[in-house]
C-alpha atoms as a PDB file:
ATOM      1  CA  MET A   1     143.211 -25.535 131.743  1.00  0.00           C
ATOM      2  CA  PRO A   2     140.124 -24.909 133.902  1.00  0.00           C
ATOM      3  CA  THR A   3     140.474 -22.845 137.072  1.00  0.00           C
ATOM      4  CA  GLU A   4     139.862 -24.770 140.273  1.00  0.00           C
ATOM      5  CA  LEU A   5     137.002 -23.351 142.306  1.00  0.00           C
ATOM      6  CA  SER A   6     139.332 -22.658 145.246  1.00  0.00           C
ATOM      7  CA  ASP A   7     141.513 -20.457 142.972  1.00  0.00           C
ATOM      8  CA  ASP A   8     138.653 -18.649 141.235  1.00  0.00           C
ATOM      9  CA  PRO A   9     138.396 -15.026 142.425  1.00  0.00           C
ATOM     10  CA  LEU A  10     134.899 -14.601 140.976  1.00  0.00           C
ATOM     11  CA  ALA A  11     133.690 -17.685 142.837  1.00  0.00           C
ATOM     12  CA  PHE A  12     135.269 -16.340 146.037  1.00  0.00           C
ATOM     13  CA  ARG A  13     133.574 -12.989 145.503  1.00  0.00           C
ATOM     14  CA  ALA A  14     130.207 -14.710 145.048  1.00  0.00           C
ATOM     15  CA  PHE A  15     130.900 -16.752 148.195  1.00  0.00           C
ATOM     16  CA  MET A  16     131.712 -13.572 150.158  1.00  0.00           C
ATOM     17  CA  ASP A  17     128.616 -11.803 148.843  1.00  0.00           C
ATOM     18  CA  SER A  18     126.485 -14.771 149.877  1.00  0.00           C
ATOM     19  CA  LYS A  19     127.969 -14.957 153.387  1.00  0.00           C
ATOM     20  CA  LEU A  20     127.804 -11.207 153.939  1.00  0.00           C
ATOM     21  CA  SER A  21     124.184 -10.962 152.815  1.00  0.00           C
ATOM     22  CA  ASN A  22     123.088 -13.891 154.991  1.00  0.00           C
ATOM     23  CA  GLY A  23     124.040 -12.731 158.483  1.00  0.00           C
ATOM     24  CA  GLY A  24     127.810 -12.735 158.097  1.00  0.00           C
ATOM     25  CA  GLU A  25     128.283  -8.967 158.236  1.00  0.00           C
ATOM     26  CA  THR A  26     130.545  -9.288 161.287  1.00  0.00           C
ATOM     27  CA  LEU A  27     132.917 -11.742 159.591  1.00  0.00           C
ATOM     28  CA  GLY A  28     136.362 -10.439 158.808  1.00  0.00           C
ATOM     29  CA  LEU A  29     138.324 -11.200 155.660  1.00  0.00           C
ATOM     30  CA  GLY A  30     140.420 -13.810 157.484  1.00  0.00           C
ATOM     31  CA  GLU A  31     137.304 -15.589 158.716  1.00  0.00           C
ATOM     32  CA  LEU A  32     135.753 -15.528 155.251  1.00  0.00           C
ATOM     33  CA  LEU A  33     138.933 -16.942 153.736  1.00  0.00           C
ATOM     34  CA  ALA A  34     139.083 -19.697 156.382  1.00  0.00           C
ATOM     35  CA  LEU A  35     135.446 -20.600 155.652  1.00  0.00           C
ATOM     36  CA  TRP A  36     136.179 -20.631 151.910  1.00  0.00           C
ATOM     37  CA  GLU A  37     139.145 -22.941 152.370  1.00  0.00           C
ATOM     38  CA  TYR A  38     137.150 -25.202 154.704  1.00  0.00           C
ATOM     39  CA  GLU A  39     134.197 -25.459 152.345  1.00  0.00           C
ATOM     40  CA  ASN A  40     136.466 -26.135 149.346  1.00  0.00           C
ATOM     41  CA  THR A  41     138.767 -28.723 150.922  1.00  0.00           C
ATOM     42  CA  PRO A  42     138.903 -31.843 148.726  1.00  0.00           C
ATOM     43  CA  PRO A  43     137.292 -34.903 150.368  1.00  0.00           C
ATOM     44  CA  GLU A  44     140.527 -36.913 150.116  1.00  0.00           C
ATOM     45  CA  GLU A  45     142.379 -34.219 152.082  1.00  0.00           C
ATOM     46  CA  ILE A  46     139.687 -34.266 154.766  1.00  0.00           C
ATOM     47  CA  GLU A  47     139.933 -38.063 154.976  1.00  0.00           C
ATOM     48  CA  SER A  48     143.727 -37.926 155.209  1.00  0.00           C
ATOM     49  CA  THR A  49     143.521 -35.357 158.020  1.00  0.00           C
ATOM     50  CA  ILE A  50     140.982 -37.443 159.937  1.00  0.00           C
ATOM     51  CA  GLN A  51     143.190 -40.546 159.598  1.00  0.00           C
ATOM     52  CA  SER A  52     146.227 -38.609 160.848  1.00  0.00           C
ATOM     53  CA  ILE A  53     144.307 -37.346 163.864  1.00  0.00           C
ATOM     54  CA  GLN A  54     143.049 -40.866 164.565  1.00  0.00           C
ATOM     55  CA  ARG A  55     146.617 -42.261 164.448  1.00  0.00           C
ATOM     56  CA  GLY A  56     147.749 -39.539 166.842  1.00  0.00           C
ATOM     57  CA  LEU A  57     144.936 -40.316 169.265  1.00  0.00           C
ATOM     58  CA  GLU A  58     145.720 -44.033 169.097  1.00  0.00           C
ATOM     59  CA  ASP A  59     149.377 -43.279 169.855  1.00  0.00           C
ATOM     60  CA  MET A  60     148.372 -41.078 172.775  1.00  0.00           C
ATOM     61  CA  TYR A  61     146.001 -43.663 174.269  1.00  0.00           C
ATOM     62  CA  ALA A  62     148.635 -46.407 173.853  1.00  0.00           C
ATOM     63  CA  GLY A  63     151.275 -44.300 175.600  1.00  0.00           C
ATOM     64  CA  ARG A  64     153.435 -43.874 172.485  1.00  0.00           C
ATOM     65  CA  THR A  65     153.959 -40.178 173.055  1.00  0.00           C
ATOM     66  CA  SER A  66     156.510 -38.083 174.880  1.00  0.00           C
ATOM     67  CA  ASP A  67     156.433 -34.803 176.669  1.00  0.00           C
ATOM     68  CA  ALA A  68     157.196 -31.912 174.291  1.00  0.00           C
ATOM     69  CA  PHE A  69     159.830 -30.447 176.613  1.00  0.00           C
ATOM     70  CA  GLU A  70     161.584 -33.818 176.899  1.00  0.00           C
ATOM     71  CA  PHE A  71     161.532 -34.171 173.117  1.00  0.00           C
ATOM     72  CA  VAL A  72     163.056 -30.732 172.581  1.00  0.00           C
ATOM     73  CA  GLU A  73     165.782 -31.498 175.110  1.00  0.00           C
ATOM     74  CA  ARG A  74     166.605 -34.818 173.372  1.00  0.00           C
ATOM     75  CA  MET A  75     166.777 -33.069 169.992  1.00  0.00           C
ATOM     76  CA  ARG A  76     168.990 -30.324 171.447  1.00  0.00           C
ATOM     77  CA  LYS A  77     171.422 -32.977 172.759  1.00  0.00           C
ATOM     78  CA  ILE A  78     171.459 -34.783 169.393  1.00  0.00           C
ATOM     79  CA  ILE A  79     172.180 -31.551 167.537  1.00  0.00           C
ATOM     80  CA  GLN A  80     174.935 -30.605 169.983  1.00  0.00           C
ATOM     81  CA  THR A  81     176.516 -34.057 169.611  1.00  0.00           C
ATOM     82  CA  LYS A  82     176.442 -33.862 165.818  1.00  0.00           C
ATOM     83  CA  SER A  83     177.840 -30.343 165.747  1.00  0.00           C
ATOM     84  CA  GLY A  84     180.611 -31.253 168.226  1.00  0.00           C
ATOM     85  CA  GLN A  85     179.590 -28.744 170.884  1.00  0.00           C
END
């Protein structure tokens, strides 16, 4: 079974070497890992994320959203009702 690029430590090492030798000396390990994940995200996952964001924006613009604090309070009441408190 071939190793996916995103799970290949040698490919990640080459990626880090490339970034660090091309002006990325100030990047931390977390930043390098985030860049690696970003650059190796499958196109279908990117498309799915964009569609999800678009649906959320459409809901927001159409007024199909609720305040987070109101939502938490509604959920708290539902949980209390179900648990008999």
